[in-house]
Protein backbone atom coordinates (compact mmCIF):
# COMPACT_ATOMS: atom_id res chain seq x y z
CA MET A 1 6.89 -12.26 -12.94
CA VAL A 2 3.91 -9.98 -12.52
CA SER A 3 1.51 -11.15 -9.85
CA ILE A 4 -2.19 -10.74 -9.29
CA LEU A 5 -3.57 -8.77 -6.40
CA THR A 6 -7.08 -9.57 -5.30
CA GLY A 7 -9.27 -7.12 -3.47
CA SER A 8 -8.05 -8.37 -0.10
CA ASN A 9 -4.37 -8.23 -0.91
CA ILE A 10 -2.19 -5.32 -0.07
CA ASN A 11 0.38 -4.07 -2.49
CA SER A 12 3.55 -2.52 -1.09
CA GLY A 13 3.34 -0.56 -4.22
CA TYR A 14 4.49 2.98 -4.20
CA LYS A 15 3.62 6.08 -2.27
CA GLU A 16 0.12 7.30 -3.03
CA HIS A 17 -0.88 10.94 -2.92
CA GLN A 18 -2.43 11.73 0.43
CA ILE A 19 -4.65 14.63 1.30
CA VAL A 20 -3.95 15.99 4.75
CA LYS A 21 -5.05 18.94 6.86
CA ARG A 22 -1.69 19.98 8.20
CA ALA A 23 1.86 20.13 6.93
CA ILE A 24 2.59 16.63 8.19
CA VAL A 25 2.26 13.99 5.49
CA LYS A 26 0.52 10.92 6.85
CA ILE A 27 2.41 8.30 4.90
CA LEU A 28 0.91 4.86 5.48
CA PHE A 29 2.99 1.75 5.97
CA VAL A 30 1.16 -0.09 3.26
CA LEU A 31 -1.31 1.25 0.78
CA GLY A 32 -4.11 -0.77 -0.71
CA VAL A 33 -3.49 -0.40 -4.41
CA PHE A 34 -5.15 -2.35 -7.16
CA GLY A 35 -1.96 -2.26 -9.16
CA LEU A 36 0.45 -4.71 -10.65
CA GLN A 37 2.77 -6.05 -7.99
CA LEU A 38 6.32 -7.01 -8.83
CA GLN A 39 7.82 -10.30 -7.75
CA ILE A 40 11.02 -12.15 -8.41
CA ALA A 41 10.65 -14.64 -11.22
CA HIS A 42 10.08 -18.04 -9.63
CA GLY A 43 13.14 -20.28 -9.85
CA ALA A 44 15.37 -17.49 -11.15
CA THR A 45 19.01 -18.30 -11.74
CA LEU A 46 21.73 -16.14 -10.24
CA GLU A 47 22.31 -14.40 -13.57
CA GLU A 48 18.56 -13.80 -14.08
CA LEU A 49 18.24 -12.35 -10.60
CA ARG A 50 21.23 -10.08 -11.19
CA GLN A 51 19.68 -8.85 -14.42
CA GLN A 52 16.41 -8.11 -12.63
CA ALA A 53 18.17 -6.17 -9.87
CA GLN A 54 20.25 -4.19 -12.36
CA HIS A 55 17.24 -3.48 -14.57
CA TRP A 56 15.19 -2.21 -11.63
CA HIS A 57 18.02 -0.09 -10.25
CA GLN A 58 18.82 1.51 -13.59
CA LYS A 59 15.21 2.11 -14.57
CA PHE A 60 13.62 3.23 -11.31
CA GLN A 61 16.31 4.29 -8.84
CA LYS A 62 18.94 6.97 -8.36
CA PRO A 63 22.63 5.97 -8.11
CA SER A 64 22.55 6.46 -4.31
CA GLU A 65 19.64 4.00 -3.91
CA GLY A 66 19.68 0.22 -3.92
CA ILE A 67 17.70 -2.98 -4.23
CA SER A 68 18.42 -6.40 -2.70
CA LEU A 69 16.66 -9.55 -3.93
CA GLY A 70 16.67 -13.09 -2.62
CA GLU A 71 15.01 -16.38 -3.45
CA ILE A 72 14.82 -19.90 -2.09
CA SER A 73 14.11 -22.55 -4.71
CA LYS A 74 15.07 -26.21 -4.87
CA SER A 75 16.59 -25.90 -1.38
CA GLU A 76 19.07 -23.28 -2.57
CA ARG A 77 19.34 -19.58 -1.86
CA VAL A 78 20.08 -17.08 -4.62
CA TYR A 79 20.90 -13.42 -3.95
CA ALA A 80 21.35 -10.39 -6.19
CA SER A 81 21.68 -6.68 -5.48
CA ALA A 82 22.28 -3.42 -7.30
CA GLY A 83 22.96 0.12 -6.14
CA LYS A 84 24.26 1.60 -2.91
CA GLU A 85 23.34 1.84 0.76
CA SER A 86 23.58 5.64 0.58
CA LYS A 87 25.19 8.42 -1.44
CA ASN A 88 28.67 7.73 -0.06
CA GLY A 89 27.94 4.23 1.19
CA ASP A 90 28.92 0.74 0.16
CA ALA A 91 27.15 -1.38 -2.42
CA VAL A 92 24.04 -3.11 -1.07
CA ASP A 93 23.97 -6.88 -0.62
CA GLU A 94 21.89 -9.55 1.11
CA HIS A 95 23.15 -8.37 4.51
CA SER A 96 22.25 -4.69 4.03
CA LEU A 97 19.58 -3.44 6.43
CA TYR A 98 16.25 -1.97 5.36
CA GLU A 99 13.08 -0.80 7.08
CA VAL A 100 10.48 -3.41 6.08
CA GLY A 101 7.31 -1.62 7.23
CA SER A 102 4.18 -3.75 7.31
CA ILE A 103 5.99 -7.07 6.97
CA THR A 104 6.18 -6.54 10.74
CA LYS A 105 2.46 -7.37 10.85
CA VAL A 106 3.27 -10.99 9.95
CA PHE A 107 5.48 -11.27 13.04
CA THR A 108 2.79 -9.64 15.19
CA GLY A 109 0.30 -12.22 13.90
CA ILE A 110 2.67 -15.04 14.83
CA LEU A 111 3.10 -13.55 18.32
CA LEU A 112 -0.70 -13.57 18.66
CA ALA A 113 -0.80 -17.24 17.61
CA ASP A 114 1.96 -17.97 20.13
CA ALA A 115 0.03 -16.28 22.95
CA VAL A 116 -3.07 -18.31 22.10
CA LEU A 117 -1.14 -21.59 22.02
CA GLN A 118 0.38 -20.77 25.41
CA GLY A 119 -3.10 -20.25 26.83
CA LYS A 120 -2.46 -16.58 27.56
CA ALA A 121 -5.23 -15.37 25.26
CA GLU A 122 -8.00 -16.48 22.91
CA LEU A 123 -8.53 -15.14 19.41
CA THR A 124 -12.08 -14.22 20.40
CA ASP A 125 -10.99 -12.26 23.48
CA SER A 126 -12.22 -8.69 23.65
CA ILE A 127 -9.37 -6.22 23.67
CA ALA A 128 -10.86 -4.89 26.91
CA LYS A 129 -9.83 -8.11 28.67
CA HIS A 130 -6.15 -7.34 28.19
CA LEU A 131 -6.05 -3.55 28.44
CA PRO A 132 -5.45 -1.82 31.77
CA LYS A 133 -8.58 -0.87 33.69
CA GLY A 134 -9.95 2.50 32.76
CA VAL A 135 -8.59 2.59 29.21
CA ILE A 136 -11.99 1.78 27.75
CA SER A 137 -15.22 2.01 29.70
CA ALA A 138 -17.76 -0.76 30.17
CA ASP A 139 -20.07 0.85 27.62
CA SER A 140 -17.35 1.66 25.08
CA PRO A 141 -18.05 0.36 21.55
CA LEU A 142 -14.50 -1.03 21.62
CA GLN A 143 -15.73 -3.78 23.96
CA GLN A 144 -16.89 -5.66 20.86
CA VAL A 145 -13.45 -5.63 19.17
CA THR A 146 -11.49 -8.90 19.39
CA LEU A 147 -7.81 -9.78 19.06
CA LEU A 148 -8.59 -11.75 15.90
CA GLN A 149 -10.23 -8.71 14.32
CA LEU A 150 -7.17 -6.57 15.01
CA SER A 151 -4.92 -9.03 13.17
CA THR A 152 -7.28 -9.64 10.23
CA HIS A 153 -8.22 -5.96 9.69
CA THR A 154 -11.91 -6.56 10.42
CA SER A 155 -12.20 -4.56 13.66
CA GLY A 156 -13.55 -1.45 11.96
CA LEU A 157 -10.81 0.67 13.54
CA PRO A 158 -9.67 3.41 11.16
CA ARG A 159 -6.39 3.10 9.31
CA LEU A 160 -4.84 5.70 11.60
CA PRO A 161 -6.06 7.53 14.73
CA SER A 162 -7.57 10.95 14.14
CA ASP A 163 -5.17 12.60 16.60
CA LEU A 164 -1.98 11.23 15.02
CA SER A 165 -0.88 14.63 13.75
CA ASN A 166 -1.09 16.24 17.20
CA GLY A 167 2.53 16.87 18.18
CA ALA A 168 3.92 14.98 15.19
CA SER A 169 7.03 15.74 13.17
CA ASP A 170 6.78 15.60 9.40
CA LYS A 171 10.21 13.89 9.36
CA ASP A 172 9.33 11.12 11.82
CA PRO A 173 5.51 11.11 11.98
CA TYR A 174 4.96 8.27 14.47
CA ALA A 175 7.79 8.75 16.97
CA HIS A 176 5.71 10.93 19.30
CA TYR A 177 2.76 8.53 19.52
CA SER A 178 3.31 6.68 22.79
CA ARG A 179 1.25 3.97 24.47
CA GLU A 180 -0.24 6.66 26.71
CA HIS A 181 -1.22 8.68 23.65
CA LEU A 182 -2.83 5.58 22.11
CA PHE A 183 -4.77 4.72 25.27
CA ARG A 184 -6.04 8.31 25.54
CA TYR A 185 -7.37 8.04 21.98
CA LEU A 186 -9.08 4.72 22.75
CA SER A 187 -10.73 6.13 25.87
CA GLN A 188 -12.51 8.74 23.72
CA PHE A 189 -13.51 6.37 20.89
CA THR A 190 -17.16 6.48 19.80
CA GLN A 191 -19.37 4.30 17.61
CA GLU A 192 -19.15 6.92 14.85
CA ASP A 193 -15.37 6.44 14.70
CA PHE A 194 -15.74 2.89 13.35
CA GLU A 195 -15.25 2.19 9.65
CA SER A 196 -17.21 -0.86 8.44
CA PRO A 197 -16.75 -3.14 11.48
CA GLY A 198 -16.78 -6.81 10.53
CA GLU A 199 -15.56 -6.07 7.00
CA PHE A 200 -11.98 -5.96 5.75
CA SER A 201 -10.58 -2.47 6.24
CA TYR A 202 -6.80 -2.20 6.48
CA SER A 203 -5.78 -0.67 9.80
CA ASN A 204 -2.30 0.22 10.98
CA LEU A 205 -3.95 1.42 14.16
CA GLY A 206 -5.45 -2.02 14.78
CA VAL A 207 -2.22 -3.98 14.41
CA GLY A 208 -0.24 -1.36 16.31
CA LEU A 209 -2.71 -1.76 19.18
CA LEU A 210 -2.38 -5.55 18.93
CA GLY A 211 1.38 -5.24 19.36
CA GLU A 212 0.91 -3.21 22.55
CA ILE A 213 -1.68 -5.68 23.89
CA LEU A 214 0.64 -8.65 23.25
CA ALA A 215 3.41 -6.85 25.14
CA ILE A 216 1.02 -6.33 28.07
CA ILE A 217 -0.10 -9.98 27.99
CA ASN A 218 3.53 -11.12 28.18
CA ASP A 219 4.57 -8.45 30.70
CA THR A 220 7.37 -7.14 28.49
CA SER A 221 7.96 -4.70 25.64
CA TYR A 222 7.01 -5.49 22.05
CA GLU A 223 10.63 -5.42 20.90
CA GLU A 224 11.75 -7.77 23.69
CA LEU A 225 8.83 -10.10 22.97
CA ILE A 226 9.59 -10.46 19.25
CA ASP A 227 13.28 -10.87 20.01
CA SER A 228 12.82 -13.65 22.57
CA ARG A 229 10.03 -15.60 20.84
CA ILE A 230 11.01 -15.31 17.15
CA LEU A 231 14.28 -13.54 16.30
CA LYS A 232 16.72 -15.25 18.68
CA PRO A 233 15.28 -18.77 18.24
CA LEU A 234 15.65 -18.39 14.46
CA ASN A 235 19.08 -16.76 14.73
CA MET A 236 17.84 -13.63 12.95
CA THR A 237 20.71 -11.51 14.23
CA SER A 238 20.23 -8.73 11.67
CA THR A 239 16.62 -7.95 12.56
CA TRP A 240 15.29 -5.63 15.23
CA VAL A 241 12.37 -3.37 16.11
CA GLN A 242 13.09 0.31 15.49
CA LYS A 243 10.84 1.70 18.20
CA SER A 244 13.05 4.62 19.18
CA ALA A 245 16.30 6.35 18.18
CA SER A 246 18.30 4.12 20.55
CA SER A 247 16.85 0.82 19.31
CA GLN A 248 19.55 -0.14 16.80
CA PRO A 249 21.89 -2.86 18.12
CA GLU A 250 25.51 -1.75 18.35
CA HIS A 251 26.83 -4.62 16.22
CA LEU A 252 24.64 -3.60 13.27
CA LYS A 253 25.67 0.03 13.02
CA GLY A 254 27.29 0.72 9.68
CA ARG A 255 25.12 -1.71 7.69
CA MET A 256 21.95 0.38 7.69
CA THR A 257 20.91 1.79 4.34
CA LYS A 258 19.50 5.30 3.99
CA GLY A 259 15.92 5.54 2.78
CA HIS A 260 14.98 7.83 -0.11
CA PHE A 261 11.82 9.47 -1.33
CA ASN A 262 11.88 10.98 -4.82
CA GLY A 263 15.66 10.67 -4.76
CA ASP A 264 16.16 12.58 -1.50
CA GLU A 265 17.35 10.94 1.72
CA THR A 266 14.64 10.50 4.34
CA PRO A 267 14.93 10.17 8.13
CA TYR A 268 14.41 6.78 9.72
CA TRP A 269 10.98 6.12 11.18
CA ARG A 270 10.59 5.27 14.87
CA LEU A 271 7.17 3.73 15.34
CA ASN A 272 6.66 3.83 19.12
CA ALA A 273 3.10 2.57 19.83
CA PHE A 274 2.76 1.53 16.17
CA SER A 275 5.75 -0.83 16.40
CA GLY A 276 3.62 -3.94 15.88
CA ALA A 277 2.37 -2.49 12.60
CA GLY A 278 5.63 -1.58 10.91
CA ALA A 279 8.79 -1.01 12.97
CA MET A 280 10.99 -3.92 11.90
CA VAL A 281 14.37 -3.55 10.22
CA SER A 282 15.82 -6.60 8.49
CA SER A 283 17.93 -7.98 5.65
CA VAL A 284 17.22 -10.27 2.71
CA ASP A 285 19.31 -12.99 4.32
CA ASP A 286 17.41 -12.83 7.62
CA LEU A 287 13.99 -12.81 5.95
CA LEU A 288 14.92 -15.88 3.89
CA SER A 289 15.94 -17.57 7.15
CA PHE A 290 12.52 -16.66 8.54
CA ALA A 291 10.85 -18.10 5.44
CA GLU A 292 12.90 -21.30 5.56
CA ALA A 293 11.92 -21.82 9.20
CA HIS A 294 8.36 -22.50 8.01
CA TRP A 295 9.40 -25.90 6.65
CA SER A 296 12.63 -26.64 8.52
CA ASN A 297 12.70 -29.50 11.03
CA ASP A 298 15.11 -27.42 13.13
CA THR A 299 12.45 -24.83 13.94
CA PRO A 300 11.33 -24.99 17.59
CA LYS A 301 8.06 -26.88 17.92
CA TYR A 302 6.21 -23.95 19.52
CA LEU A 303 7.09 -21.78 16.52
CA GLN A 304 6.03 -24.48 14.06
CA GLU A 305 2.64 -24.54 15.77
CA ALA A 306 2.41 -20.73 15.83
CA PHE A 307 3.30 -20.59 12.12
CA ALA A 308 0.54 -23.09 11.34
CA LEU A 309 -2.10 -21.17 13.30
CA ALA A 310 -1.07 -17.86 11.73
CA MET A 311 -1.33 -19.35 8.24
CA GLN A 312 -4.88 -20.58 8.67
CA SER A 313 -7.44 -18.61 6.68
CA HIS A 314 -9.24 -16.85 9.52
CA THR A 315 -11.30 -14.47 7.38
CA ASP A 316 -11.54 -15.33 3.70
CA THR A 317 -7.98 -14.86 2.38
CA VAL A 318 -6.44 -13.32 5.50
CA GLY A 319 -4.52 -15.19 8.18
CA LEU A 320 -2.93 -13.75 11.30
CA GLY A 321 -0.83 -11.10 9.60
CA TRP A 322 -0.57 -12.98 6.30
CA PHE A 323 -2.43 -12.44 3.06
CA ILE A 324 -3.17 -15.80 1.47
CA ASP A 325 -3.11 -16.59 -2.24
CA ASP A 326 -3.74 -20.31 -2.74
CA LYS A 327 -0.61 -21.95 -1.26
CA SER A 328 1.38 -18.74 -1.06
CA PHE A 329 1.52 -16.31 1.84
CA ASN A 330 2.59 -12.72 1.37
CA HIS A 331 2.90 -9.28 2.84
CA THR A 332 4.43 -6.09 1.62
CA GLY A 333 5.60 -2.98 3.39
CA GLY A 334 6.78 0.55 3.07
CA THR A 335 7.86 3.48 5.20
CA GLY A 336 8.90 6.99 4.24
CA GLY A 337 11.94 5.87 2.26
CA TYR A 338 11.66 2.09 1.88
CA ARG A 339 9.67 -0.61 0.09
CA ALA A 340 9.65 -4.34 0.85
CA SER A 341 7.88 -7.58 -0.06
CA LEU A 342 7.96 -11.14 1.27
CA ILE A 343 6.30 -14.17 -0.35
CA ILE A 344 6.62 -17.74 0.87
CA ASN A 345 5.19 -21.08 -0.22
CA PRO A 346 5.85 -23.71 2.48
CA ALA A 347 4.28 -26.48 0.39
CA GLU A 348 6.81 -25.95 -2.40
CA LYS A 349 9.56 -24.71 -0.05
CA THR A 350 10.06 -21.49 -1.98
CA ALA A 351 10.37 -17.85 -0.96
CA GLN A 352 11.10 -14.44 -2.47
CA VAL A 353 12.27 -11.24 -0.78
CA ASN A 354 12.55 -7.78 -2.34
CA LEU A 355 13.97 -4.88 -0.29
CA GLN A 356 14.57 -1.33 -1.56
CA ASN A 357 15.78 1.86 0.07
CA SER A 358 13.71 4.02 -2.25
CA SER A 359 10.10 5.10 -2.59
CA GLY A 360 8.17 7.58 -4.66
CA GLU A 361 9.34 8.83 -7.98
CA GLU A 362 9.87 12.27 -9.43
CA THR A 363 6.91 12.55 -11.74
CA GLU A 364 6.46 14.93 -14.63
CA VAL A 365 3.33 14.89 -16.77
CA VAL A 366 4.34 14.78 -20.44
CA ARG A 367 2.11 14.50 -23.52
CA LYS A 368 3.86 14.34 -26.87
CA GLY A 369 2.40 13.61 -30.29
CA ASP A 370 -0.92 13.46 -32.12
CA PHE A 371 -3.19 11.00 -30.30
CA SER A 372 -6.14 11.12 -32.70
CA LYS A 373 -5.31 7.69 -34.16
CA ILE A 374 -5.48 5.93 -30.80
CA VAL A 375 -8.29 7.76 -28.98
CA GLY A 376 -10.75 5.35 -27.38
CA PHE A 377 -10.74 2.01 -25.59
CA TRP A 378 -8.24 -0.79 -26.07
CA SER A 379 -8.59 -4.28 -24.60
CA GLY A 380 -5.95 -6.92 -24.04
CA GLU A 381 -4.86 -9.80 -21.83
CA LEU A 382 -1.56 -9.92 -19.98
CA ASP A 383 -0.48 -13.56 -19.77
CA ILE A 384 1.46 -13.96 -16.53
CA GLY A 385 1.60 -17.73 -16.71
CA THR A 386 -0.84 -18.59 -13.94
CA GLN A 387 -3.58 -16.29 -15.19
CA LYS A 388 -4.50 -13.95 -18.00
CA LEU A 389 -5.00 -10.49 -16.56
CA ARG A 390 -7.65 -8.45 -18.39
CA LEU A 391 -6.59 -4.87 -19.07
CA VAL A 392 -8.44 -1.94 -20.61
CA LEU A 393 -6.57 1.13 -21.85
CA TYR A 394 -8.47 4.38 -22.38
CA VAL A 395 -6.78 7.18 -24.34
CA ASN A 396 -8.43 10.60 -24.67
CA ASP A 397 -7.73 13.51 -27.03
CA ALA A 398 -5.23 15.07 -24.61
CA GLY A 399 -3.13 11.91 -24.47
CA ASN A 400 -4.15 10.79 -21.00
CA ALA A 401 -3.71 7.02 -21.17
CA THR A 402 -5.44 5.40 -18.21
CA VAL A 403 -5.17 1.66 -17.69
CA TYR A 404 -7.78 -0.37 -15.79
CA SER A 405 -6.90 -3.80 -14.43
CA ILE A 406 -10.30 -5.50 -14.42
CA ASP A 407 -9.26 -8.49 -12.33
CA GLN A 408 -7.72 -6.26 -9.68
CA GLY A 409 -10.73 -4.08 -8.97
CA GLY A 410 -10.64 -1.95 -12.11
CA LEU A 411 -9.55 1.29 -10.45
CA PRO A 412 -7.84 3.71 -12.84
CA ILE A 413 -4.05 3.82 -13.02
CA PRO A 414 -3.06 7.20 -14.53
CA SER A 415 -0.18 7.78 -16.92
CA SER A 416 2.52 10.36 -16.38
CA GLU A 417 4.25 10.34 -19.76
CA THR A 418 2.40 9.49 -22.96
CA THR A 419 4.18 9.68 -26.30
CA PHE A 420 2.76 8.69 -29.69
CA GLU A 421 4.96 9.39 -32.69
CA ASN A 422 5.45 7.47 -35.94
CA ASN A 423 2.81 4.98 -34.79
CA LYS A 424 4.87 4.12 -31.71
CA LEU A 425 3.24 4.47 -28.27
CA THR A 426 5.09 4.77 -24.97
CA VAL A 427 3.16 5.18 -21.71
CA LYS A 428 4.64 5.35 -18.20
CA TYR A 429 2.76 4.54 -14.97
CA PRO A 430 4.90 5.73 -12.03
CA SER A 431 2.43 4.69 -9.31
CA ILE A 432 3.16 1.05 -10.17
CA ARG A 433 6.46 1.67 -11.97
CA GLY A 434 5.12 0.15 -15.12
CA GLN A 435 5.52 1.00 -18.79
CA TYR A 436 3.71 0.01 -21.98
CA GLU A 437 5.47 0.27 -25.34
CA ALA A 438 3.63 -0.69 -28.51
CA THR A 439 3.35 -0.10 -32.24
CA LEU A 440 0.06 0.66 -33.98
CA LYS A 441 -0.42 -1.67 -36.94
CA ASP A 442 -3.55 -3.07 -38.58
CA GLY A 443 -5.78 -1.58 -35.89
CA LYS A 444 -3.87 -3.20 -33.03
CA LEU A 445 -1.32 -2.03 -30.47
CA THR A 446 1.37 -4.69 -30.37
CA GLY A 447 4.15 -4.44 -27.83
CA SER A 448 5.14 -5.26 -24.27
CA TRP A 449 4.25 -4.41 -20.69
CA SER A 450 7.30 -3.87 -18.45
CA GLN A 451 7.74 -3.64 -14.71
CA ARG A 452 10.69 -5.78 -13.78
CA ASN A 453 10.22 -8.24 -16.61
CA SER A 454 8.80 -7.66 -20.06
CA ILE A 455 5.60 -9.45 -21.12
CA LYS A 456 4.02 -9.29 -24.56
CA LEU A 457 0.76 -7.36 -24.64
CA GLU A 458 -1.43 -6.89 -27.69
CA MET A 459 -4.43 -4.59 -27.42
CA THR A 460 -7.40 -4.34 -29.77
CA HIS A 461 -9.42 -1.19 -30.32
CA ALA A 462 -13.04 -1.25 -29.13
CA SER A 463 -15.75 0.94 -30.61
CA GLU A 464 -17.28 1.47 -27.16
CA MET A 465 -16.47 0.90 -23.51
CA PRO A 466 -15.98 -2.85 -22.93
CA ASN A 467 -18.63 -4.49 -20.78
CA THR A 468 -15.99 -5.57 -18.28
CA LEU A 469 -15.16 -1.92 -17.60
CA LYS A 470 -18.82 -0.89 -17.64
CA ASN A 471 -19.44 -3.32 -14.80
CA VAL A 472 -16.66 -1.68 -12.78
CA PHE A 473 -18.05 1.82 -13.40
CA ASN A 474 -21.56 0.68 -12.45
CA GLN A 475 -20.25 -0.50 -9.09
CA VAL A 476 -18.28 2.68 -8.39
CA TYR A 477 -20.69 5.35 -9.63
CA GLN A 478 -24.29 5.69 -8.49
CA GLY A 479 -26.59 8.43 -9.76
CA ASN A 480 -26.51 10.82 -12.70
CA LEU A 481 -23.33 12.93 -12.57
CA GLU A 482 -24.10 14.88 -15.74
CA PRO A 483 -25.22 18.06 -13.85
CA ILE A 484 -21.87 18.37 -12.05
CA ILE A 485 -19.47 17.79 -14.96
CA GLY A 486 -16.49 20.11 -14.68
CA PHE A 487 -13.86 21.11 -12.15
CA TRP A 488 -14.61 21.86 -8.49
CA GLN A 489 -11.87 23.54 -6.47
CA GLY A 490 -11.29 24.61 -2.89
CA LYS A 491 -9.02 24.43 0.15
CA ILE A 492 -9.40 21.88 2.92
CA GLY A 493 -10.51 23.70 6.04
CA ASN A 494 -11.77 26.60 3.91
CA THR A 495 -8.80 28.65 5.08
CA LYS A 496 -6.17 30.65 3.23
CA ASP A 497 -3.45 28.19 4.23
CA GLY A 498 -5.53 25.08 3.61
CA LEU A 499 -4.40 22.39 1.19
CA PHE A 500 -5.63 23.16 -2.34
CA VAL A 501 -7.56 20.34 -3.99
CA TYR A 502 -9.94 19.98 -6.87
CA MET A 503 -12.37 17.34 -8.05
CA GLU A 504 -12.79 16.54 -11.73
CA VAL A 505 -16.05 15.08 -13.03
CA SER A 506 -15.64 14.04 -16.64
CA LYS A 507 -17.46 12.17 -19.36
CA VAL A 508 -16.09 8.75 -20.30
CA ALA A 509 -18.05 7.20 -23.17
CA ASP A 510 -21.69 7.15 -22.01
CA THR A 511 -20.83 7.30 -18.30
CA HIS A 512 -18.79 9.49 -15.95
CA GLU A 513 -15.61 9.36 -13.92
CA VAL A 514 -14.51 11.29 -10.83
CA THR A 515 -10.93 11.96 -9.76
CA ILE A 516 -9.45 14.05 -6.96
CA TRP A 517 -6.36 16.16 -7.49
CA SER A 518 -3.90 17.52 -4.95
CA PRO A 519 -1.49 19.28 -7.34
CA THR A 520 0.90 20.56 -4.67
CA GLN A 521 1.52 16.95 -3.60
CA SER A 522 1.52 15.17 -6.97
CA PRO A 523 0.77 15.89 -10.62
CA LEU A 524 -1.24 12.65 -10.83
CA PRO A 525 -4.86 12.19 -9.73
CA ILE A 526 -6.23 10.16 -6.84
CA ALA A 527 -8.74 7.52 -7.88
CA VAL A 528 -12.06 7.30 -6.06
CA THR A 529 -13.64 4.01 -5.04
CA LYS A 530 -17.28 5.06 -4.56
CA VAL A 531 -19.44 7.98 -5.70
CA ASN A 532 -23.12 8.52 -4.99
CA PHE A 533 -25.09 11.55 -6.20
CA GLU A 534 -28.80 11.73 -5.47
CA GLU A 535 -31.10 14.67 -4.71
CA ASN A 536 -28.19 17.12 -4.51
CA LYS A 537 -26.39 14.94 -1.94
CA LEU A 538 -22.89 13.92 -2.99
CA ALA A 539 -20.77 11.25 -1.30
CA VAL A 540 -17.25 10.54 -2.56
CA GLU A 541 -14.91 7.92 -1.10
CA SER A 542 -11.26 7.19 -1.84
CA LYS A 543 -10.00 4.15 0.02
CA ARG A 544 -6.53 4.75 -1.35
CA VAL A 545 -6.12 7.77 0.93
CA ASN A 546 -8.77 6.72 3.45
CA GLY A 547 -10.72 9.89 2.63
CA PHE A 548 -14.43 10.70 2.46
CA PHE A 549 -16.28 13.77 1.19
CA ASN A 550 -19.96 14.20 2.09
CA ALA A 551 -21.56 17.33 0.73
CA THR A 552 -24.58 19.17 -0.60
CA VAL A 553 -24.57 20.44 -4.18
CA ASN A 554 -26.05 23.86 -4.97
CA LEU A 555 -26.17 24.06 -8.76
CA ASP A 556 -27.52 27.62 -8.74
CA LYS A 557 -24.51 28.87 -6.78
CA LYS A 558 -22.20 26.40 -8.54
CA GLN A 559 -21.02 25.27 -5.15
CA ILE A 560 -20.47 21.99 -3.32
CA LYS A 561 -20.34 22.42 0.44
CA GLY A 562 -19.50 19.64 2.86
CA ILE A 563 -17.03 17.84 5.11
CA TRP A 564 -13.77 16.17 4.12
CA THR A 565 -12.92 13.32 6.51
CA GLN A 566 -9.48 11.76 6.69
CA GLY A 567 -9.06 10.91 10.33
CA ASP A 568 -10.27 14.39 11.33
CA ASP A 569 -13.27 16.25 9.87
CA SER A 570 -12.57 19.43 7.91
CA PRO A 571 -14.99 21.77 6.16
CA LEU A 572 -14.52 21.89 2.41
CA THR A 573 -16.37 24.12 -0.03
CA LEU A 574 -15.76 23.62 -3.75
CA THR A 575 -16.66 26.07 -6.50
CA TRP A 576 -17.24 25.14 -10.14
CA SER A 577 -15.09 25.96 -13.14
CA SER A 578 -15.28 24.80 -16.72
CA GLN A 579 -11.48 24.89 -16.97
CA ARG A 580 -8.87 22.87 -15.12
CA PRO A 581 -7.37 24.99 -12.30
CA LYS A 582 -3.86 26.24 -12.99
C-alpha cells in the first residue's frame, strides 16, 4: 500500500539532489522527503509479495540490482525477492545482506534506553557529562544538549558537521571521520552553529555522536556494544556494524550484495564515528527476527524493557530512534547504493521489511505532446484505505506536471517524463518512483497512481489554484516576489570551478514559486521550504538539502549577492536572465 508521511516522519525515499562546495557528494543517510512512501501490502500472500517484488525490480531496477521483501502477519513470515546480489552474483533472497543506513538509529535508541535502565545514564543528562574532559568547555553552548535530544533530533545540531568534507573520499565519504575528528569539531562549536535547537531537525551528526557517547559510557566500542546487548541475544547472526573495511565477519563473506546508484556499482560505506547513525548491515530475515522480538516472550527481560522505553513518544511522534504513527513504529534508511525500510506494529504483531541494493535513477526530462487541453490545476484524492490523501496536480504550457501532496507538507514533486497524446496522460516522478496514467474524458483525468501497487485516482480540473494549495504557498512564501521573476545563475564560491546553480522564480496562478537547480547533478529541481523577500533582503531555505541562501537583491544591477550555507558558508552571486540557462 501507499503510506502517509507526516511532517515528522522520514522517508527513505530516493537520493535527493545535493548542492555541495567540493567534488565530494554529501549523500545523507536519510532524506526528509514529503513524498509517497512505499510499503508492503499488509497481510500480503506469498504470491502477492512475489508480484510486488517482481514489479518493483522490473520497473525501477537494473538486472544486476535486487530487492528483498519480508512480512510477519498472523504469526507467519512471508518472503519474496527479485533480482541479483550483483552483476555476476546470485539471486537475492531473505538472507542476502544489505546496508540499511538509518535503521541503525533505532538500535542506537534502544542502546540509550538500555543504558538508562541500567542506571548508567539519564535521558536528561548533558552530553558533557559523558564526554572526556576538554572536549567541550564549561561555557560551550553544547552544555545544554541532552542525550534525549540527540536521539529525538531536537538538539539543534546540524545534519552533518561543517568539516565533514575535509580529507574525505567521494567514494567513501565518512570513513575518514574518526572520533578524534568529531571531538575536534565539537570543541570549536559555537552558538551560531545550532539549527533550531528544541525543534525537530534531523541530524545524522547528533545520532552519530550519541553512538560514540554510548560506547564511552559502556567502556567499549559501538560495534561491540550493539553486538553484546542486542544482536547476540536475539541471534541476529547476519547483522553487523560496518565501521571499517575489516568489520565484516568472516562467515558472512559471499552473501553481501553490491550497492548501485543510477545503475552503477558503488563502494561500501564505512561510517567510523557516524556508526550509530547508519553503519548497520543486515538481512530481511534478521530484521524480521528483531521485529518479532518486540512481542516474543523469549526476548530477554532487559531488552523488553528497553524496547518499551524506546517506543514511548518522547517528543510528539518521535521515540528513541523510532518514528511513531499511531500503533506503528518505523524508520527508513539509505546509503550511497542502498535503500531500506522497517515498520513494526507490536500491538498487532505485524512487521514489514524492504531492502534494496539500488538508489537513484537515471533521469531524462521528456515532454511529448500538446498540453493545452490539460494546462492548469487538477485536484483528486488518493484512497489508501486508512486515509484519503489530497493531491493537486499543476500542468503548465511546457508540460511540467508537478504534484503536491497536501497532507504531506505540500512541497512540489517534479515530473521527469510527461506525455499527453490522444487524450492519454503519462507522468513519471523518479524522486518517489511514482507514475500517474490517466485518460482525459468529460473534463476529468481518470486513471491510476502507481508506485508498487496501483490505486485508482480521478482528478478534476480547477479554474484556479485550490485553497488547500494556496495555504501551503502562503506558509512557504513571504513577501512580493514579482520584482525578481526570472532566472538567477551563478557558481557556488564565485569561482571558475564552483558548482553551477540557478534559481528560478516563476508565476503560478496569482502567486509565485521558487526552485533551485543544480543541472550538473540532476535534471530535476530542488524544492525550497521557505522564502522571504522584504526590503531587498532575500532568504531561501531548502530543508531537503539542508541549504540556506541569505542575500541582498540589487535590481538595478540585476544581481543577488549573498552567502550559501550548507555546512560551510560560501559566497554566491547570482545574475538575472529572462531565459533558462543552457
